[in-house]
Amino acid sequence: MWVFDLRNFAFLHVNQAAVQSYGYSRADFLAMTILDIRPVEHVVLLLREELLEHQHNSTREPWVHRRKNGSLFKVEITSHEMTFNGHPAELVLARYVAELK
């Protein structure tokens, strides 16, 4: 799970499971945005959904994410809009689906 800022997509908080699953340290995550954990070819899809379609509070089809070591895997995302430490934010639960080759 993590929380990200809806204005600039920066990670605001990550739990230990995200640190273990993605291979980034907590400090790494907090210096990144949600765009950084996606393959380049998926960034446009994410931006369209977040900026143009304003789809928050949703369960979505599987997304492809990237670990620190570069490996790709599918996750199902469930998210809810919220305020976190004064920031408009989204709470995200990413559930592992499958490895990609």
N, C-alpha and C. Protein backbone atom coordinates (compact mmCIF):
# COMPACT_ATOMS: atom_id res chain seq x y z
N MET A 1 0.84 -1.18 0.00
CA MET A 1 0.00 0.00 0.00
C MET A 1 0.88 1.23 0.00
N TRP A 2 0.33 2.29 -0.56
CA TRP A 2 0.99 3.58 -0.51
C TRP A 2 -0.04 4.69 -0.64
N VAL A 3 0.41 5.90 -0.34
CA VAL A 3 -0.38 7.10 -0.53
C VAL A 3 0.43 8.01 -1.44
N PHE A 4 -0.23 8.60 -2.45
CA PHE A 4 0.46 9.54 -3.32
C PHE A 4 -0.33 10.84 -3.44
N ASP A 5 0.38 11.91 -3.72
CA ASP A 5 -0.18 13.25 -3.87
C ASP A 5 -0.84 13.35 -5.24
N LEU A 6 -2.11 13.72 -5.28
CA LEU A 6 -2.83 13.82 -6.54
C LEU A 6 -2.37 14.98 -7.41
N ARG A 7 -1.69 15.96 -6.83
CA ARG A 7 -1.24 17.12 -7.62
C ARG A 7 0.04 16.82 -8.40
N ASN A 8 0.96 16.08 -7.81
CA ASN A 8 2.25 15.87 -8.48
C ASN A 8 2.67 14.40 -8.53
N PHE A 9 1.81 13.50 -8.06
CA PHE A 9 2.03 12.05 -8.09
C PHE A 9 3.16 11.56 -7.20
N ALA A 10 3.67 12.41 -6.31
CA ALA A 10 4.75 12.01 -5.41
C ALA A 10 4.23 11.04 -4.35
N PHE A 11 5.05 10.03 -4.04
CA PHE A 11 4.71 9.15 -2.93
C PHE A 11 4.78 9.96 -1.64
N LEU A 12 3.75 9.82 -0.81
CA LEU A 12 3.73 10.48 0.50
C LEU A 12 3.97 9.50 1.63
N HIS A 13 3.63 8.25 1.40
CA HIS A 13 3.80 7.20 2.41
C HIS A 13 3.78 5.85 1.71
N VAL A 14 4.59 4.92 2.18
CA VAL A 14 4.55 3.53 1.70
C VAL A 14 4.66 2.61 2.90
N ASN A 15 4.02 1.45 2.78
CA ASN A 15 4.14 0.51 3.89
C ASN A 15 5.29 -0.46 3.64
N GLN A 16 5.59 -1.27 4.63
CA GLN A 16 6.73 -2.18 4.56
C GLN A 16 6.54 -3.23 3.46
N ALA A 17 5.31 -3.63 3.21
CA ALA A 17 5.06 -4.62 2.15
C ALA A 17 5.46 -4.06 0.79
N ALA A 18 5.21 -2.78 0.54
CA ALA A 18 5.63 -2.16 -0.73
C ALA A 18 7.16 -2.13 -0.82
N VAL A 19 7.81 -1.78 0.26
CA VAL A 19 9.28 -1.76 0.29
C VAL A 19 9.83 -3.14 -0.06
N GLN A 20 9.29 -4.17 0.55
CA GLN A 20 9.77 -5.53 0.29
C GLN A 20 9.43 -6.01 -1.12
N SER A 21 8.24 -5.71 -1.60
CA SER A 21 7.80 -6.21 -2.90
C SER A 21 8.48 -5.51 -4.08
N TYR A 22 8.76 -4.22 -3.94
CA TYR A 22 9.30 -3.45 -5.05
C TYR A 22 10.82 -3.31 -5.00
N GLY A 23 11.41 -3.53 -3.83
CA GLY A 23 12.87 -3.46 -3.72
C GLY A 23 13.43 -2.07 -3.50
N TYR A 24 12.58 -1.07 -3.47
CA TYR A 24 13.02 0.29 -3.17
C TYR A 24 12.97 0.50 -1.67
N SER A 25 13.89 1.27 -1.12
CA SER A 25 13.82 1.62 0.29
C SER A 25 12.69 2.63 0.48
N ARG A 26 12.30 2.84 1.72
CA ARG A 26 11.28 3.85 2.02
C ARG A 26 11.76 5.22 1.51
N ALA A 27 13.04 5.54 1.73
CA ALA A 27 13.59 6.82 1.26
C ALA A 27 13.55 6.91 -0.26
N ASP A 28 13.85 5.79 -0.95
CA ASP A 28 13.75 5.77 -2.42
C ASP A 28 12.33 6.14 -2.85
N PHE A 29 11.35 5.43 -2.28
CA PHE A 29 9.95 5.69 -2.64
C PHE A 29 9.60 7.16 -2.43
N LEU A 30 9.97 7.71 -1.29
CA LEU A 30 9.57 9.08 -0.96
C LEU A 30 10.27 10.13 -1.82
N ALA A 31 11.26 9.71 -2.59
CA ALA A 31 11.93 10.61 -3.55
C ALA A 31 11.41 10.39 -4.97
N MET A 32 10.40 9.52 -5.12
CA MET A 32 9.88 9.15 -6.44
C MET A 32 8.43 9.56 -6.59
N THR A 33 7.92 9.38 -7.81
CA THR A 33 6.49 9.53 -8.08
C THR A 33 5.95 8.17 -8.52
N ILE A 34 4.64 8.07 -8.61
CA ILE A 34 4.03 6.81 -9.06
C ILE A 34 4.38 6.51 -10.51
N LEU A 35 4.83 7.51 -11.25
CA LEU A 35 5.24 7.28 -12.64
C LEU A 35 6.53 6.46 -12.71
N ASP A 36 7.34 6.56 -11.67
CA ASP A 36 8.65 5.89 -11.64
C ASP A 36 8.57 4.38 -11.49
N ILE A 37 7.42 3.85 -11.07
CA ILE A 37 7.31 2.40 -10.90
C ILE A 37 6.58 1.76 -12.06
N ARG A 38 6.44 2.49 -13.14
CA ARG A 38 5.77 1.97 -14.33
C ARG A 38 6.70 1.96 -15.52
N PRO A 39 6.52 1.00 -16.42
CA PRO A 39 7.28 1.04 -17.66
C PRO A 39 6.89 2.31 -18.44
N VAL A 40 7.82 2.87 -19.17
CA VAL A 40 7.60 4.12 -19.89
C VAL A 40 6.33 4.05 -20.74
N GLU A 41 6.11 2.93 -21.41
CA GLU A 41 4.96 2.83 -22.31
C GLU A 41 3.62 2.83 -21.58
N HIS A 42 3.61 2.70 -20.26
CA HIS A 42 2.37 2.71 -19.49
C HIS A 42 2.10 4.06 -18.82
N VAL A 43 3.06 4.96 -18.85
CA VAL A 43 2.92 6.25 -18.19
C VAL A 43 1.80 7.06 -18.81
N VAL A 44 1.69 7.07 -20.13
CA VAL A 44 0.63 7.84 -20.80
C VAL A 44 -0.75 7.33 -20.37
N LEU A 45 -0.92 6.03 -20.26
CA LEU A 45 -2.19 5.47 -19.82
C LEU A 45 -2.55 5.95 -18.42
N LEU A 46 -1.58 5.93 -17.54
CA LEU A 46 -1.81 6.38 -16.17
C LEU A 46 -2.15 7.86 -16.12
N LEU A 47 -1.39 8.68 -16.84
CA LEU A 47 -1.65 10.12 -16.84
C LEU A 47 -3.03 10.42 -17.39
N ARG A 48 -3.44 9.74 -18.44
CA ARG A 48 -4.77 9.97 -19.01
C ARG A 48 -5.84 9.64 -17.97
N GLU A 49 -5.68 8.52 -17.29
CA GLU A 49 -6.67 8.13 -16.29
C GLU A 49 -6.72 9.12 -15.13
N GLU A 50 -5.55 9.50 -14.62
CA GLU A 50 -5.51 10.38 -13.45
C GLU A 50 -5.88 11.82 -13.77
N LEU A 51 -5.39 12.34 -14.91
CA LEU A 51 -5.58 13.76 -15.21
C LEU A 51 -6.84 14.04 -16.03
N LEU A 52 -7.13 13.21 -17.01
CA LEU A 52 -8.24 13.51 -17.90
C LEU A 52 -9.54 12.84 -17.47
N GLU A 53 -9.45 11.62 -17.03
CA GLU A 53 -10.66 10.89 -16.68
C GLU A 53 -11.01 11.02 -15.21
N HIS A 54 -10.08 11.52 -14.39
CA HIS A 54 -10.30 11.74 -12.95
C HIS A 54 -10.89 10.51 -12.28
N GLN A 55 -10.34 9.36 -12.60
CA GLN A 55 -10.86 8.13 -12.01
C GLN A 55 -10.14 7.83 -10.70
N HIS A 56 -10.81 8.13 -9.62
CA HIS A 56 -10.30 7.83 -8.28
C HIS A 56 -11.33 6.91 -7.62
N ASN A 57 -10.99 6.40 -6.46
CA ASN A 57 -11.89 5.52 -5.72
C ASN A 57 -12.36 4.36 -6.58
N SER A 58 -11.41 3.61 -7.09
CA SER A 58 -11.80 2.59 -8.04
C SER A 58 -11.01 1.30 -7.87
N THR A 59 -11.56 0.27 -8.47
CA THR A 59 -10.84 -0.97 -8.67
C THR A 59 -10.57 -1.02 -10.16
N ARG A 60 -9.36 -1.27 -10.54
CA ARG A 60 -8.97 -1.16 -11.94
C ARG A 60 -8.45 -2.48 -12.47
N GLU A 61 -8.43 -2.57 -13.79
CA GLU A 61 -7.83 -3.73 -14.44
C GLU A 61 -6.35 -3.79 -14.06
N PRO A 62 -5.75 -4.93 -14.28
CA PRO A 62 -4.32 -5.05 -13.91
C PRO A 62 -3.43 -4.01 -14.59
N TRP A 63 -2.46 -3.52 -13.83
CA TRP A 63 -1.43 -2.60 -14.31
C TRP A 63 -0.10 -3.31 -14.27
N VAL A 64 0.83 -2.85 -15.06
CA VAL A 64 2.19 -3.38 -15.01
C VAL A 64 3.04 -2.42 -14.17
N HIS A 65 3.75 -2.95 -13.21
CA HIS A 65 4.66 -2.18 -12.37
C HIS A 65 6.07 -2.71 -12.53
N ARG A 66 7.05 -1.88 -12.12
CA ARG A 66 8.46 -2.23 -12.26
C ARG A 66 9.13 -2.17 -10.89
N ARG A 67 9.87 -3.22 -10.58
CA ARG A 67 10.67 -3.23 -9.35
C ARG A 67 11.97 -2.46 -9.56
N LYS A 68 12.69 -2.24 -8.48
CA LYS A 68 13.97 -1.55 -8.55
C LYS A 68 14.95 -2.30 -9.46
N ASN A 69 14.89 -3.62 -9.47
CA ASN A 69 15.80 -4.41 -10.30
C ASN A 69 15.38 -4.46 -11.77
N GLY A 70 14.28 -3.78 -12.12
CA GLY A 70 13.82 -3.72 -13.50
C GLY A 70 12.81 -4.77 -13.89
N SER A 71 12.59 -5.78 -13.05
CA SER A 71 11.62 -6.81 -13.40
C SER A 71 10.20 -6.23 -13.38
N LEU A 72 9.36 -6.77 -14.26
CA LEU A 72 7.99 -6.30 -14.41
C LEU A 72 7.02 -7.32 -13.86
N PHE A 73 5.91 -6.84 -13.31
CA PHE A 73 4.88 -7.72 -12.79
C PHE A 73 3.53 -7.02 -12.86
N LYS A 74 2.46 -7.80 -12.85
CA LYS A 74 1.11 -7.25 -12.89
C LYS A 74 0.57 -7.12 -11.48
N VAL A 75 -0.19 -6.04 -11.26
CA VAL A 75 -0.89 -5.83 -10.01
C VAL A 75 -2.30 -5.37 -10.31
N GLU A 76 -3.23 -5.68 -9.41
CA GLU A 76 -4.56 -5.11 -9.45
C GLU A 76 -4.57 -3.98 -8.43
N ILE A 77 -5.12 -2.85 -8.83
CA ILE A 77 -5.11 -1.66 -8.00
C ILE A 77 -6.51 -1.37 -7.47
N THR A 78 -6.60 -1.12 -6.19
CA THR A 78 -7.81 -0.57 -5.58
C THR A 78 -7.38 0.73 -4.91
N SER A 79 -8.12 1.81 -5.15
CA SER A 79 -7.68 3.10 -4.61
C SER A 79 -8.87 3.91 -4.11
N HIS A 80 -8.56 4.82 -3.20
CA HIS A 80 -9.57 5.69 -2.62
C HIS A 80 -8.97 7.07 -2.40
N GLU A 81 -9.69 8.08 -2.86
CA GLU A 81 -9.25 9.46 -2.69
C GLU A 81 -9.40 9.84 -1.21
N MET A 82 -8.45 10.66 -0.74
CA MET A 82 -8.45 11.06 0.66
C MET A 82 -7.60 12.31 0.82
N THR A 83 -7.53 12.84 2.02
CA THR A 83 -6.59 13.90 2.36
C THR A 83 -5.56 13.28 3.29
N PHE A 84 -4.27 13.51 2.99
CA PHE A 84 -3.18 12.95 3.79
C PHE A 84 -2.23 14.07 4.16
N ASN A 85 -2.15 14.37 5.45
CA ASN A 85 -1.29 15.47 5.93
C ASN A 85 -1.52 16.75 5.14
N GLY A 86 -2.77 17.05 4.85
CA GLY A 86 -3.12 18.28 4.15
C GLY A 86 -3.00 18.22 2.64
N HIS A 87 -2.61 17.07 2.09
CA HIS A 87 -2.45 16.92 0.64
C HIS A 87 -3.66 16.18 0.07
N PRO A 88 -4.20 16.64 -1.07
CA PRO A 88 -5.17 15.79 -1.77
C PRO A 88 -4.42 14.55 -2.24
N ALA A 89 -4.90 13.39 -1.88
CA ALA A 89 -4.11 12.18 -2.07
C ALA A 89 -4.99 11.01 -2.47
N GLU A 90 -4.32 9.94 -2.80
CA GLU A 90 -5.01 8.69 -3.11
C GLU A 90 -4.30 7.57 -2.36
N LEU A 91 -5.08 6.77 -1.65
CA LEU A 91 -4.58 5.59 -0.96
C LEU A 91 -4.70 4.42 -1.93
N VAL A 92 -3.62 3.70 -2.13
CA VAL A 92 -3.57 2.63 -3.14
C VAL A 92 -3.20 1.30 -2.50
N LEU A 93 -3.98 0.29 -2.83
CA LEU A 93 -3.65 -1.09 -2.50
C LEU A 93 -3.30 -1.76 -3.82
N ALA A 94 -2.06 -2.22 -3.95
CA ALA A 94 -1.62 -2.94 -5.14
C ALA A 94 -1.51 -4.42 -4.77
N ARG A 95 -2.28 -5.24 -5.44
CA ARG A 95 -2.27 -6.68 -5.16
C ARG A 95 -1.57 -7.41 -6.30
N TYR A 96 -0.53 -8.16 -5.95
CA TYR A 96 0.26 -8.91 -6.92
C TYR A 96 -0.63 -9.87 -7.70
N VAL A 97 -0.43 -9.93 -9.04
CA VAL A 97 -1.17 -10.85 -9.88
C VAL A 97 -0.24 -11.87 -10.52
N ALA A 98 0.81 -11.39 -11.21
CA ALA A 98 1.69 -12.33 -11.93
C ALA A 98 2.97 -11.64 -12.37
N GLU A 99 4.03 -12.46 -12.51
CA GLU A 99 5.29 -11.99 -13.08
C GLU A 99 5.14 -11.88 -14.59
N LEU A 100 5.90 -10.97 -15.18
CA LEU A 100 5.96 -10.85 -16.64
C LEU A 100 7.35 -11.24 -17.10
N LYS A 101 7.44 -11.78 -18.28
CA LYS A 101 8.76 -12.17 -18.80
C LYS A 101 9.18 -11.27 -19.91
